[in-house]
Amino acid sequence: MATKKTTIPRGVSPQKKKRLAVESLGSEKYTRQGNVVVRHSGHEKKNGHVNQNGKAVRNGRGGEKVSGRADISTAAVAEAVETGHLSELSMGVTGRNGNEKVWAEIELDAWRIFKIMAEFVSGFEKMAALGPAVTIFGSARVVPNDKVYKLALRTAELLARQGFGVITGGGPGIMEAGNRGAKNAGGASIGFNIELPFEQVSNPFVDRDKLITFNYFFVRKAMFMKYSQAFVVMPGGFGTLDEFSEAITLIQTKKITMFPVILVGKKFWSGLIGWMRDSQLRCHYIGENDFDFVHLVDTPEEAVQIIQRFYPENKYAPNF
């Protein structure tokens, strides 16, 4: 089968070659055939048979299947662009027994790592300059006249008066209450906002110079885990449970330093803690010591006292 090679014109600068290499990645898929790096098309053909899903099938004795899987590095693609060995030929990977599962579609997106690195660097630099802080989690759906909103507001005020910054997800509800309380008490009001398909505007109580917007949820979660000296968890939904469970898992497995995880609202949270004890603990899936850092309280004053007792010498450090 003939291949159509993409060549680089003579006299192109190294900078332009690099740009062309990056642009060539796009959403294409690549593999290597001998010394040629190949770009995948939507329809692949081999021995006259075409699979409309981009999978070529050879009907020989071996029953060989060829998929659209990409198995070539970004560096190799860039090199191929520069040397003129980037081909339009569709090529796949041979299975060992002809029955392996294959990707319906996969993109070569190794360049995305630089965007992820940039988010980490920006977050690390800003948070290192702000000092110790406590994160408040809870439902985004509560309104200012809700009892839980007022609990979060009071908790944030007390934390700020103790010298802690207050971190939230930067949105409405409990997040707004936390930032509002910190601002009322003259403390650092920090927001970790997230870019979503629909616009999420940060609440007006986040300090503008302390607003960090993330594209990747996992980078944002890493910042919560690294810089929070405690989690104060108000009543909330799935997102609140996610942050709570991730924190206790990372502490249990010693992937991060232990810090207090405080559940505010005994009536709301006691059912969950009771289920953990009656089911998980009874089956020996967790240990009694896994509750050492989980606290159940009803008042903001109790929450702040737990944090103060946990750091009697005021020695604070990032958790990993």
C-alpha atoms as a PDB file:
ATOM      1  CA  MET A   1       0.000   0.000   0.000  1.00  0.00           C
ATOM      2  CA  ALA A   2       1.383   3.407  -0.945  1.00  0.00           C
ATOM      3  CA  THR A   3       1.900   5.967   1.761  1.00  0.00           C
ATOM      4  CA  LYS A   4       1.679   9.728   1.529  1.00  0.00           C
ATOM      5  CA  LYS A   5       4.433  11.363   3.568  1.00  0.00           C
ATOM      6  CA  THR A   6       4.219  14.812   5.093  1.00  0.00           C
ATOM      7  CA  THR A   7       7.476  16.672   4.526  1.00  0.00           C
ATOM      8  CA  ILE A   8       8.865  19.852   6.034  1.00  0.00           C
ATOM      9  CA  PRO A   9       9.927  22.528   3.478  1.00  0.00           C
ATOM     10  CA  ARG A  10      13.603  23.383   3.277  1.00  0.00           C
ATOM     11  CA  GLY A  11      14.835  26.328   5.289  1.00  0.00           C
ATOM     12  CA  VAL A  12      12.244  26.033   8.072  1.00  0.00           C
ATOM     13  CA  SER A  13      13.606  27.248  11.417  1.00  0.00           C
ATOM     14  CA  PRO A  14      13.908  24.865  14.391  1.00  0.00           C
ATOM     15  CA  GLN A  15      11.253  26.900  16.229  1.00  0.00           C
ATOM     16  CA  LYS A  16       8.774  26.452  13.397  1.00  0.00           C
ATOM     17  CA  LYS A  17       9.585  22.753  13.165  1.00  0.00           C
ATOM     18  CA  LYS A  18       8.729  22.414  16.854  1.00  0.00           C
ATOM     19  CA  ARG A  19       5.456  24.298  16.343  1.00  0.00           C
ATOM     20  CA  LEU A  20       4.570  22.100  13.390  1.00  0.00           C
ATOM     21  CA  ALA A  21       5.317  19.041  15.485  1.00  0.00           C
ATOM     22  CA  VAL A  22       2.950  20.224  18.187  1.00  0.00           C
ATOM     23  CA  GLU A  23       0.235  21.193  15.703  1.00  0.00           C
ATOM     24  CA  SER A  24       0.533  17.842  14.003  1.00  0.00           C
ATOM     25  CA  LEU A  25      -0.594  16.084  17.171  1.00  0.00           C
ATOM     26  CA  GLY A  26      -4.064  17.580  17.296  1.00  0.00           C
ATOM     27  CA  SER A  27      -6.580  14.803  17.843  1.00  0.00           C
ATOM     28  CA  GLU A  28      -4.797  12.366  15.524  1.00  0.00           C
ATOM     29  CA  LYS A  29      -3.612   8.901  16.496  1.00  0.00           C
ATOM     30  CA  TYR A  30      -0.165   7.494  15.676  1.00  0.00           C
ATOM     31  CA  THR A  31       1.785   4.253  15.490  1.00  0.00           C
ATOM     32  CA  ARG A  32       5.144   3.222  14.056  1.00  0.00           C
ATOM     33  CA  GLN A  33       5.654   1.047  10.955  1.00  0.00           C
ATOM     34  CA  GLY A  34       9.342   0.324  10.701  1.00  0.00           C
ATOM     35  CA  ASN A  35      11.048   3.703  10.383  1.00  0.00           C
ATOM     36  CA  VAL A  36       7.824   5.488   9.509  1.00  0.00           C
ATOM     37  CA  VAL A  37       5.481   7.105  12.019  1.00  0.00           C
ATOM     38  CA  VAL A  38       1.923   6.821  10.766  1.00  0.00           C
ATOM     39  CA  ARG A  39      -1.128   9.018  11.276  1.00  0.00           C
ATOM     40  CA  HIS A  40      -4.433   7.152  11.643  1.00  0.00           C
ATOM     41  CA  SER A  41      -7.436   7.969   9.496  1.00  0.00           C
ATOM     42  CA  GLY A  42     -11.080   7.238  10.270  1.00  0.00           C
ATOM     43  CA  HIS A  43     -11.309   4.227   7.913  1.00  0.00           C
ATOM     44  CA  GLU A  44      -8.595   1.617   7.750  1.00  0.00           C
ATOM     45  CA  LYS A  45      -8.088  -0.768   4.861  1.00  0.00           C
ATOM     46  CA  LYS A  46      -6.134  -4.010   4.617  1.00  0.00           C
ATOM     47  CA  ASN A  47      -6.477  -6.783   2.007  1.00  0.00           C
ATOM     48  CA  GLY A  48      -9.524  -5.031   0.585  1.00  0.00           C
ATOM     49  CA  HIS A  49     -11.525  -5.097   3.831  1.00  0.00           C
ATOM     50  CA  VAL A  50     -12.540  -1.858   5.544  1.00  0.00           C
ATOM     51  CA  ASN A  51     -14.045  -1.560   9.008  1.00  0.00           C
ATOM     52  CA  GLN A  52     -16.105   1.647   9.392  1.00  0.00           C
ATOM     53  CA  ASN A  53     -15.053   1.975  13.034  1.00  0.00           C
ATOM     54  CA  GLY A  54     -11.435   2.476  12.050  1.00  0.00           C
ATOM     55  CA  LYS A  55     -10.404  -1.167  12.675  1.00  0.00           C
ATOM     56  CA  ALA A  56      -8.815  -3.138   9.856  1.00  0.00           C
ATOM     57  CA  VAL A  57      -9.208  -6.912   9.779  1.00  0.00           C
ATOM     58  CA  ARG A  58      -6.937  -9.385   8.036  1.00  0.00           C
ATOM     59  CA  ASN A  59      -8.691 -12.615   7.125  1.00  0.00           C
ATOM     60  CA  GLY A  60      -5.571 -14.734   6.844  1.00  0.00           C
ATOM     61  CA  ARG A  61      -4.779 -17.868   8.771  1.00  0.00           C
ATOM     62  CA  GLY A  62      -3.756 -16.009  11.890  1.00  0.00           C
ATOM     63  CA  GLY A  63      -7.063 -14.159  12.102  1.00  0.00           C
ATOM     64  CA  GLU A  64      -5.010 -11.014  12.821  1.00  0.00           C
ATOM     65  CA  LYS A  65      -6.881  -7.898  13.908  1.00  0.00           C
ATOM     66  CA  VAL A  66      -5.417  -4.427  13.529  1.00  0.00           C
ATOM     67  CA  SER A  67      -6.727  -1.691  15.812  1.00  0.00           C
ATOM     68  CA  GLY A  68      -6.510   2.074  15.853  1.00  0.00           C
ATOM     69  CA  ARG A  69      -4.477   2.022  19.070  1.00  0.00           C
ATOM     70  CA  ALA A  70      -1.698   4.595  19.364  1.00  0.00           C
ATOM     71  CA  ASP A  71       1.606   3.271  20.686  1.00  0.00           C
ATOM     72  CA  ILE A  72       4.115   5.924  19.723  1.00  0.00           C
ATOM     73  CA  SER A  73       5.564   8.669  21.917  1.00  0.00           C
ATOM     74  CA  THR A  74       5.053  12.378  21.388  1.00  0.00           C
ATOM     75  CA  ALA A  75       8.803  12.845  20.939  1.00  0.00           C
ATOM     76  CA  ALA A  76       8.782  10.281  18.135  1.00  0.00           C
ATOM     77  CA  VAL A  77       5.918  12.090  16.413  1.00  0.00           C
ATOM     78  CA  ALA A  78       7.765  15.411  16.653  1.00  0.00           C
ATOM     79  CA  GLU A  79      10.879  13.783  15.228  1.00  0.00           C
ATOM     80  CA  ALA A  80       8.860  12.249  12.419  1.00  0.00           C
ATOM     81  CA  VAL A  81       7.380  15.617  11.493  1.00  0.00           C
ATOM     82  CA  GLU A  82      10.815  17.211  11.368  1.00  0.00           C
ATOM     83  CA  THR A  83      12.345  14.434   9.272  1.00  0.00           C
ATOM     84  CA  GLY A  84       9.405  14.072   6.913  1.00  0.00           C
ATOM     85  CA  HIS A  85       8.454  10.549   8.017  1.00  0.00           C
ATOM     86  CA  LEU A  86       4.913  11.316   9.139  1.00  0.00           C
ATOM     87  CA  SER A  87       2.654   9.194   6.957  1.00  0.00           C
ATOM     88  CA  GLU A  88      -1.065   9.206   6.215  1.00  0.00           C
ATOM     89  CA  LEU A  89      -1.104   5.385   6.255  1.00  0.00           C
ATOM     90  CA  SER A  90      -3.498   3.826   8.765  1.00  0.00           C
ATOM     91  CA  MET A  91      -1.734   1.187  10.794  1.00  0.00           C
ATOM     92  CA  GLY A  92      -2.571  -0.721  13.944  1.00  0.00           C
ATOM     93  CA  VAL A  93      -1.224  -3.161  16.504  1.00  0.00           C
ATOM     94  CA  THR A  94      -1.354  -6.908  16.130  1.00  0.00           C
ATOM     95  CA  GLY A  95      -2.993  -8.893  18.939  1.00  0.00           C
ATOM     96  CA  ARG A  96      -1.404 -11.996  20.444  1.00  0.00           C
ATOM     97  CA  ASN A  97      -4.383 -14.293  19.934  1.00  0.00           C
ATOM     98  CA  GLY A  98      -6.628 -12.262  17.671  1.00  0.00           C
ATOM     99  CA  ASN A  99      -9.205 -11.696  20.418  1.00  0.00           C
ATOM    100  CA  GLU A 100      -7.791  -8.782  22.444  1.00  0.00           C
ATOM    101  CA  LYS A 101      -9.983  -5.795  23.274  1.00  0.00           C
ATOM    102  CA  VAL A 102      -8.975  -2.581  21.525  1.00  0.00           C
ATOM    103  CA  TRP A 103      -9.680   1.097  21.988  1.00  0.00           C
ATOM    104  CA  ALA A 104     -12.552   2.445  19.901  1.00  0.00           C
ATOM    105  CA  GLU A 105     -10.623   5.712  19.935  1.00  0.00           C
ATOM    106  CA  ILE A 106      -7.530   7.007  21.710  1.00  0.00           C
ATOM    107  CA  GLU A 107      -5.716  10.296  21.343  1.00  0.00           C
ATOM    108  CA  LEU A 108      -2.044  11.079  21.677  1.00  0.00           C
ATOM    109  CA  ASP A 109      -2.221  13.904  24.211  1.00  0.00           C
ATOM    110  CA  ALA A 110       1.090  13.724  26.038  1.00  0.00           C
ATOM    111  CA  TRP A 111       1.536  17.477  25.539  1.00  0.00           C
ATOM    112  CA  ARG A 112      -1.303  18.015  28.039  1.00  0.00           C
ATOM    113  CA  ILE A 113       1.169  17.282  30.831  1.00  0.00           C
ATOM    114  CA  PHE A 114       2.563  20.807  30.496  1.00  0.00           C
ATOM    115  CA  LYS A 115      -0.846  22.352  31.195  1.00  0.00           C
ATOM    116  CA  ILE A 116      -1.235  20.104  34.233  1.00  0.00           C
ATOM    117  CA  MET A 117       2.250  21.056  35.457  1.00  0.00           C
ATOM    118  CA  ALA A 118       1.413  24.742  35.072  1.00  0.00           C
ATOM    119  CA  GLU A 119      -1.641  24.369  37.323  1.00  0.00           C
ATOM    120  CA  PHE A 120       0.406  22.628  40.004  1.00  0.00           C
ATOM    121  CA  VAL A 121       3.166  25.261  39.867  1.00  0.00           C
ATOM    122  CA  SER A 122       0.685  28.156  40.086  1.00  0.00           C
ATOM    123  CA  GLY A 123      -1.126  26.567  43.029  1.00  0.00           C
ATOM    124  CA  PHE A 124       2.063  25.699  44.912  1.00  0.00           C
ATOM    125  CA  GLU A 125       3.457  29.213  44.538  1.00  0.00           C
ATOM    126  CA  LYS A 126       0.297  30.980  45.706  1.00  0.00           C
ATOM    127  CA  MET A 127      -0.445  28.678  48.625  1.00  0.00           C
ATOM    128  CA  ALA A 128       3.129  28.652  49.926  1.00  0.00           C
ATOM    129  CA  ALA A 129       2.888  32.423  50.296  1.00  0.00           C
ATOM    130  CA  LEU A 130      -0.445  32.364  52.155  1.00  0.00           C
ATOM    131  CA  GLY A 131       0.421  30.252  55.177  1.00  0.00           C
ATOM    132  CA  PRO A 132      -1.635  27.682  57.160  1.00  0.00           C
ATOM    133  CA  ALA A 133      -5.317  27.396  56.317  1.00  0.00           C
ATOM    134  CA  VAL A 134      -8.372  25.249  57.048  1.00  0.00           C
ATOM    135  CA  THR A 135     -10.785  24.049  54.384  1.00  0.00           C
ATOM    136  CA  ILE A 136     -14.548  24.179  54.831  1.00  0.00           C
ATOM    137  CA  PHE A 137     -16.673  21.847  52.705  1.00  0.00           C
ATOM    138  CA  GLY A 138     -20.436  21.498  52.365  1.00  0.00           C
ATOM    139  CA  SER A 139     -23.421  21.820  50.100  1.00  0.00           C
ATOM    140  CA  ALA A 140     -23.473  24.478  47.394  1.00  0.00           C
ATOM    141  CA  ARG A 141     -27.282  24.573  47.638  1.00  0.00           C
ATOM    142  CA  VAL A 142     -27.831  26.152  51.050  1.00  0.00           C
ATOM    143  CA  VAL A 143     -29.000  29.766  51.273  1.00  0.00           C
ATOM    144  CA  PRO A 144     -27.917  32.518  53.709  1.00  0.00           C
ATOM    145  CA  ASN A 145     -30.864  32.057  56.080  1.00  0.00           C
ATOM    146  CA  ASP A 146     -30.145  28.322  56.434  1.00  0.00           C
ATOM    147  CA  LYS A 147     -28.892  27.134  59.831  1.00  0.00           C
ATOM    148  CA  VAL A 148     -25.997  25.269  58.204  1.00  0.00           C
ATOM    149  CA  TYR A 149     -24.913  28.408  56.307  1.00  0.00           C
ATOM    150  CA  LYS A 150     -24.762  30.288  59.611  1.00  0.00           C
ATOM    151  CA  LEU A 151     -22.720  27.479  61.206  1.00  0.00           C
ATOM    152  CA  ALA A 152     -20.170  27.677  58.383  1.00  0.00           C
ATOM    153  CA  LEU A 153     -20.070  31.468  58.604  1.00  0.00           C
ATOM    154  CA  ARG A 154     -19.414  31.369  62.367  1.00  0.00           C
ATOM    155  CA  THR A 155     -16.783  28.641  62.007  1.00  0.00           C
ATOM    156  CA  ALA A 156     -14.880  30.647  59.392  1.00  0.00           C
ATOM    157  CA  GLU A 157     -14.957  33.762  61.555  1.00  0.00           C
ATOM    158  CA  LEU A 158     -13.493  31.875  64.514  1.00  0.00           C
ATOM    159  CA  LEU A 159     -10.790  30.278  62.359  1.00  0.00           C
ATOM    160  CA  ALA A 160      -9.780  33.626  60.872  1.00  0.00           C
ATOM    161  CA  ARG A 161      -9.521  35.173  64.351  1.00  0.00           C
ATOM    162  CA  GLN A 162      -7.140  32.344  65.269  1.00  0.00           C
ATOM    163  CA  GLY A 163      -4.922  33.324  62.336  1.00  0.00           C
ATOM    164  CA  PHE A 164      -5.940  30.611  59.866  1.00  0.00           C
ATOM    165  CA  GLY A 165      -6.759  31.267  56.264  1.00  0.00           C
ATOM    166  CA  VAL A 166     -10.044  29.746  55.108  1.00  0.00           C
ATOM    167  CA  ILE A 167     -10.148  27.700  51.917  1.00  0.00           C
ATOM    168  CA  THR A 168     -13.323  26.771  50.051  1.00  0.00           C
ATOM    169  CA  GLY A 169     -14.229  25.660  46.550  1.00  0.00           C
ATOM    170  CA  GLY A 170     -15.017  29.287  45.774  1.00  0.00           C
ATOM    171  CA  GLY A 171     -18.653  28.719  44.833  1.00  0.00           C
ATOM    172  CA  PRO A 172     -22.049  29.370  46.473  1.00  0.00           C
ATOM    173  CA  GLY A 173     -23.713  27.883  49.556  1.00  0.00           C
ATOM    174  CA  ILE A 174     -21.371  26.649  52.293  1.00  0.00           C
ATOM    175  CA  MET A 175     -18.399  27.811  50.225  1.00  0.00           C
ATOM    176  CA  GLU A 176     -19.764  31.349  50.173  1.00  0.00           C
ATOM    177  CA  ALA A 177     -20.419  31.203  53.920  1.00  0.00           C
ATOM    178  CA  GLY A 178     -16.833  30.132  54.600  1.00  0.00           C
ATOM    179  CA  ASN A 179     -15.326  32.904  52.493  1.00  0.00           C
ATOM    180  CA  ARG A 180     -17.738  35.441  53.901  1.00  0.00           C
ATOM    181  CA  GLY A 181     -16.866  34.538  57.495  1.00  0.00           C
ATOM    182  CA  ALA A 182     -13.137  34.780  56.806  1.00  0.00           C
ATOM    183  CA  LYS A 183     -13.573  38.158  55.166  1.00  0.00           C
ATOM    184  CA  ASN A 184     -15.759  39.440  58.025  1.00  0.00           C
ATOM    185  CA  ALA A 185     -13.004  38.572  60.509  1.00  0.00           C
ATOM    186  CA  GLY A 186     -10.192  40.048  58.425  1.00  0.00           C
ATOM    187  CA  GLY A 187      -8.631  36.711  57.533  1.00  0.00           C
ATOM    188  CA  ALA A 188      -7.397  35.288  54.246  1.00  0.00           C
ATOM    189  CA  SER A 189     -10.379  34.209  52.142  1.00  0.00           C
ATOM    190  CA  ILE A 190      -9.133  31.656  49.603  1.00  0.00           C
ATOM    191  CA  GLY A 191     -11.116  30.121  46.751  1.00  0.00           C
ATOM    192  CA  PHE A 192     -10.217  27.082  44.633  1.00  0.00           C
ATOM    193  CA  ASN A 193     -12.552  27.586  41.693  1.00  0.00           C
ATOM    194  CA  ILE A 194     -13.023  25.025  38.908  1.00  0.00           C
ATOM    195  CA  GLU A 195     -13.686  25.551  35.200  1.00  0.00           C
ATOM    196  CA  LEU A 196     -16.830  23.717  34.122  1.00  0.00           C
ATOM    197  CA  PRO A 197     -18.703  23.361  30.796  1.00  0.00           C
ATOM    198  CA  PHE A 198     -21.211  25.821  32.238  1.00  0.00           C
ATOM    199  CA  GLU A 199     -19.832  28.956  33.834  1.00  0.00           C
ATOM    200  CA  GLN A 200     -19.065  28.802  37.560  1.00  0.00           C
ATOM    201  CA  VAL A 201     -18.473  32.273  38.941  1.00  0.00           C
ATOM    202  CA  SER A 202     -16.651  32.535  42.259  1.00  0.00           C
ATOM    203  CA  ASN A 203     -18.559  34.042  45.149  1.00  0.00           C
ATOM    204  CA  PRO A 204     -17.893  37.742  45.904  1.00  0.00           C
ATOM    205  CA  PHE A 205     -16.267  37.048  49.286  1.00  0.00           C
ATOM    206  CA  VAL A 206     -13.123  35.395  47.907  1.00  0.00           C
ATOM    207  CA  ASP A 207     -10.102  37.718  47.994  1.00  0.00           C
ATOM    208  CA  ARG A 208      -9.368  38.410  44.335  1.00  0.00           C
ATOM    209  CA  ASP A 209      -5.638  37.855  44.813  1.00  0.00           C
ATOM    210  CA  LYS A 210      -6.361  34.528  46.526  1.00  0.00           C
ATOM    211  CA  LEU A 211      -8.622  33.059  43.867  1.00  0.00           C
ATOM    212  CA  ILE A 212      -7.061  30.096  42.055  1.00  0.00           C
ATOM    213  CA  THR A 213      -8.952  28.651  39.109  1.00  0.00           C
ATOM    214  CA  PHE A 214      -8.285  25.080  38.026  1.00  0.00           C
ATOM    215  CA  ASN A 215      -9.149  23.176  34.882  1.00  0.00           C
ATOM    216  CA  TYR A 216      -8.425  19.741  36.355  1.00  0.00           C
ATOM    217  CA  PHE A 217     -10.360  18.424  39.361  1.00  0.00           C
ATOM    218  CA  PHE A 218      -7.468  16.221  40.492  1.00  0.00           C
ATOM    219  CA  VAL A 219      -5.064  19.194  40.673  1.00  0.00           C
ATOM    220  CA  ARG A 220      -7.600  21.138  42.707  1.00  0.00           C
ATOM    221  CA  LYS A 221      -8.103  18.201  45.077  1.00  0.00           C
ATOM    222  CA  ALA A 222      -4.358  17.845  45.515  1.00  0.00           C
ATOM    223  CA  MET A 223      -4.212  21.490  46.662  1.00  0.00           C
ATOM    224  CA  PHE A 224      -6.955  20.892  49.249  1.00  0.00           C
ATOM    225  CA  MET A 225      -5.080  17.886  50.593  1.00  0.00           C
ATOM    226  CA  LYS A 226      -1.642  19.498  50.640  1.00  0.00           C
ATOM    227  CA  TYR A 227      -2.365  22.827  52.314  1.00  0.00           C
ATOM    228  CA  SER A 228      -5.313  22.188  54.665  1.00  0.00           C
ATOM    229  CA  GLN A 229      -4.379  21.900  58.327  1.00  0.00           C
ATOM    230  CA  ALA A 230      -7.881  20.548  58.946  1.00  0.00           C
ATOM    231  CA  PHE A 231     -11.088  19.740  57.076  1.00  0.00           C
ATOM    232  CA  VAL A 232     -14.320  21.107  58.486  1.00  0.00           C
ATOM    233  CA  VAL A 233     -17.090  19.169  56.769  1.00  0.00           C
ATOM    234  CA  MET A 234     -20.573  20.647  56.897  1.00  0.00           C
ATOM    235  CA  PRO A 235     -23.655  18.767  55.659  1.00  0.00           C
ATOM    236  CA  GLY A 236     -23.540  18.270  51.905  1.00  0.00           C
ATOM    237  CA  GLY A 237     -24.002  15.959  48.949  1.00  0.00           C
ATOM    238  CA  PHE A 238     -21.843  13.677  46.816  1.00  0.00           C
ATOM    239  CA  GLY A 239     -19.045  16.229  46.385  1.00  0.00           C
ATOM    240  CA  THR A 240     -18.777  16.688  50.144  1.00  0.00           C
ATOM    241  CA  LEU A 241     -18.681  12.915  50.665  1.00  0.00           C
ATOM    242  CA  ASP A 242     -15.987  12.653  47.997  1.00  0.00           C
ATOM    243  CA  GLU A 243     -13.682  15.119  49.737  1.00  0.00           C
ATOM    244  CA  PHE A 244     -14.325  13.522  53.141  1.00  0.00           C
ATOM    245  CA  SER A 245     -13.670   9.973  51.941  1.00  0.00           C
ATOM    246  CA  GLU A 246     -10.551  10.907  49.999  1.00  0.00           C
ATOM    247  CA  ALA A 247      -9.065  12.669  53.034  1.00  0.00           C
ATOM    248  CA  ILE A 248      -9.640   9.763  55.416  1.00  0.00           C
ATOM    249  CA  THR A 249      -8.337   7.279  52.820  1.00  0.00           C
ATOM    250  CA  LEU A 250      -5.095   9.205  52.255  1.00  0.00           C
ATOM    251  CA  ILE A 251      -4.570   9.635  55.998  1.00  0.00           C
ATOM    252  CA  GLN A 252      -5.351   5.963  56.697  1.00  0.00           C
ATOM    253  CA  THR A 253      -2.862   4.819  54.041  1.00  0.00           C
ATOM    254  CA  LYS A 254      -0.277   7.358  55.273  1.00  0.00           C
ATOM    255  CA  LYS A 255      -0.020   9.054  51.901  1.00  0.00           C
ATOM    256  CA  ILE A 256      -0.466  12.400  53.637  1.00  0.00           C
ATOM    257  CA  THR A 257       0.199  13.635  57.165  1.00  0.00           C
ATOM    258  CA  MET A 258      -2.647  13.166  59.626  1.00  0.00           C
ATOM    259  CA  PHE A 259      -4.869  16.192  60.246  1.00  0.00           C
ATOM    260  CA  PRO A 260      -8.272  16.525  61.943  1.00  0.00           C
ATOM    261  CA  VAL A 261     -11.341  15.812  59.816  1.00  0.00           C
ATOM    262  CA  ILE A 262     -14.281  17.381  61.614  1.00  0.00           C
ATOM    263  CA  LEU A 263     -17.888  16.582  60.748  1.00  0.00           C
ATOM    264  CA  VAL A 264     -20.214  19.367  61.888  1.00  0.00           C
ATOM    265  CA  GLY A 265     -23.789  18.293  62.595  1.00  0.00           C
ATOM    266  CA  LYS A 266     -24.210  15.143  64.669  1.00  0.00           C
ATOM    267  CA  LYS A 267     -27.775  14.543  63.488  1.00  0.00           C
ATOM    268  CA  PHE A 268     -26.690  14.666  59.848  1.00  0.00           C
ATOM    269  CA  TRP A 269     -23.449  12.648  60.085  1.00  0.00           C
ATOM    270  CA  SER A 270     -24.097  10.145  62.884  1.00  0.00           C
ATOM    271  CA  GLY A 271     -25.852   7.731  60.507  1.00  0.00           C
ATOM    272  CA  LEU A 272     -22.778   7.535  58.275  1.00  0.00           C
ATOM    273  CA  ILE A 273     -20.398   7.040  61.202  1.00  0.00           C
ATOM    274  CA  GLY A 274     -22.746   4.446  62.677  1.00  0.00           C
ATOM    275  CA  TRP A 275     -22.802   2.513  59.403  1.00  0.00           C
ATOM    276  CA  MET A 276     -18.996   2.587  59.253  1.00  0.00           C
ATOM    277  CA  ARG A 277     -18.787   1.096  62.729  1.00  0.00           C
ATOM    278  CA  ASP A 278     -21.597  -1.429  62.309  1.00  0.00           C
ATOM    279  CA  SER A 279     -20.589  -2.606  58.828  1.00  0.00           C
ATOM    280  CA  GLN A 280     -17.019  -1.737  57.881  1.00  0.00           C
ATOM    281  CA  LEU A 281     -15.466  -2.003  61.344  1.00  0.00           C
ATOM    282  CA  ARG A 282     -17.421  -5.134  62.271  1.00  0.00           C
ATOM    283  CA  CYS A 283     -16.207  -6.838  59.070  1.00  0.00           C
ATOM    284  CA  HIS A 284     -12.639  -5.716  59.835  1.00  0.00           C
ATOM    285  CA  TYR A 285     -12.424  -3.670  56.635  1.00  0.00           C
ATOM    286  CA  ILE A 286     -11.223  -0.730  58.726  1.00  0.00           C
ATOM    287  CA  GLY A 287      -9.668  -0.473  62.192  1.00  0.00           C
ATOM    288  CA  GLU A 288     -10.737   1.311  65.350  1.00  0.00           C
ATOM    289  CA  ASN A 289      -7.715   3.609  65.020  1.00  0.00           C
ATOM    290  CA  ASP A 290      -9.059   4.829  61.675  1.00  0.00           C
ATOM    291  CA  PHE A 291     -11.505   6.948  63.670  1.00  0.00           C
ATOM    292  CA  ASP A 292      -8.736   8.664  65.647  1.00  0.00           C
ATOM    293  CA  PHE A 293      -8.675  11.688  63.332  1.00  0.00           C
ATOM    294  CA  VAL A 294     -12.435  11.847  62.582  1.00  0.00           C
ATOM    295  CA  HIS A 295     -14.443  14.048  64.929  1.00  0.00           C
ATOM    296  CA  LEU A 296     -18.189  14.608  65.208  1.00  0.00           C
ATOM    297  CA  VAL A 297     -19.344  17.932  66.682  1.00  0.00           C
ATOM    298  CA  ASP A 298     -22.306  20.279  66.718  1.00  0.00           C
ATOM    299  CA  THR A 299     -20.815  23.743  67.208  1.00  0.00           C
ATOM    300  CA  PRO A 300     -18.177  25.930  65.545  1.00  0.00           C
ATOM    301  CA  GLU A 301     -16.481  26.407  68.916  1.00  0.00           C
ATOM    302  CA  GLU A 302     -15.971  22.645  69.288  1.00  0.00           C
ATOM    303  CA  ALA A 303     -14.489  22.428  65.795  1.00  0.00           C
ATOM    304  CA  VAL A 304     -11.964  25.201  66.427  1.00  0.00           C
ATOM    305  CA  GLN A 305     -10.975  23.730  69.806  1.00  0.00           C
ATOM    306  CA  ILE A 306     -10.187  20.377  68.158  1.00  0.00           C
ATOM    307  CA  ILE A 307      -7.879  22.113  65.692  1.00  0.00           C
ATOM    308  CA  GLN A 308      -6.153  24.078  68.448  1.00  0.00           C
ATOM    309  CA  ARG A 309      -5.561  20.908  70.481  1.00  0.00           C
ATOM    310  CA  PHE A 310      -4.179  19.098  67.461  1.00  0.00           C
ATOM    311  CA  TYR A 311      -1.474  21.770  67.017  1.00  0.00           C
ATOM    312  CA  PRO A 312      -0.507  22.657  70.619  1.00  0.00           C
ATOM    313  CA  GLU A 313       2.864  24.059  69.565  1.00  0.00           C
ATOM    314  CA  ASN A 314       1.547  25.849  66.497  1.00  0.00           C
ATOM    315  CA  LYS A 315       3.793  23.851  64.186  1.00  0.00           C
ATOM    316  CA  TYR A 316       2.206  23.804  60.765  1.00  0.00           C
ATOM    317  CA  ALA A 317       3.427  22.217  57.560  1.00  0.00           C
ATOM    318  CA  PRO A 318       1.990  21.030  54.232  1.00  0.00           C
ATOM    319  CA  ASN A 319       0.646  17.485  54.385  1.00  0.00           C
ATOM    320  CA  PHE A 320       2.936  16.044  51.713  1.00  0.00           C
END
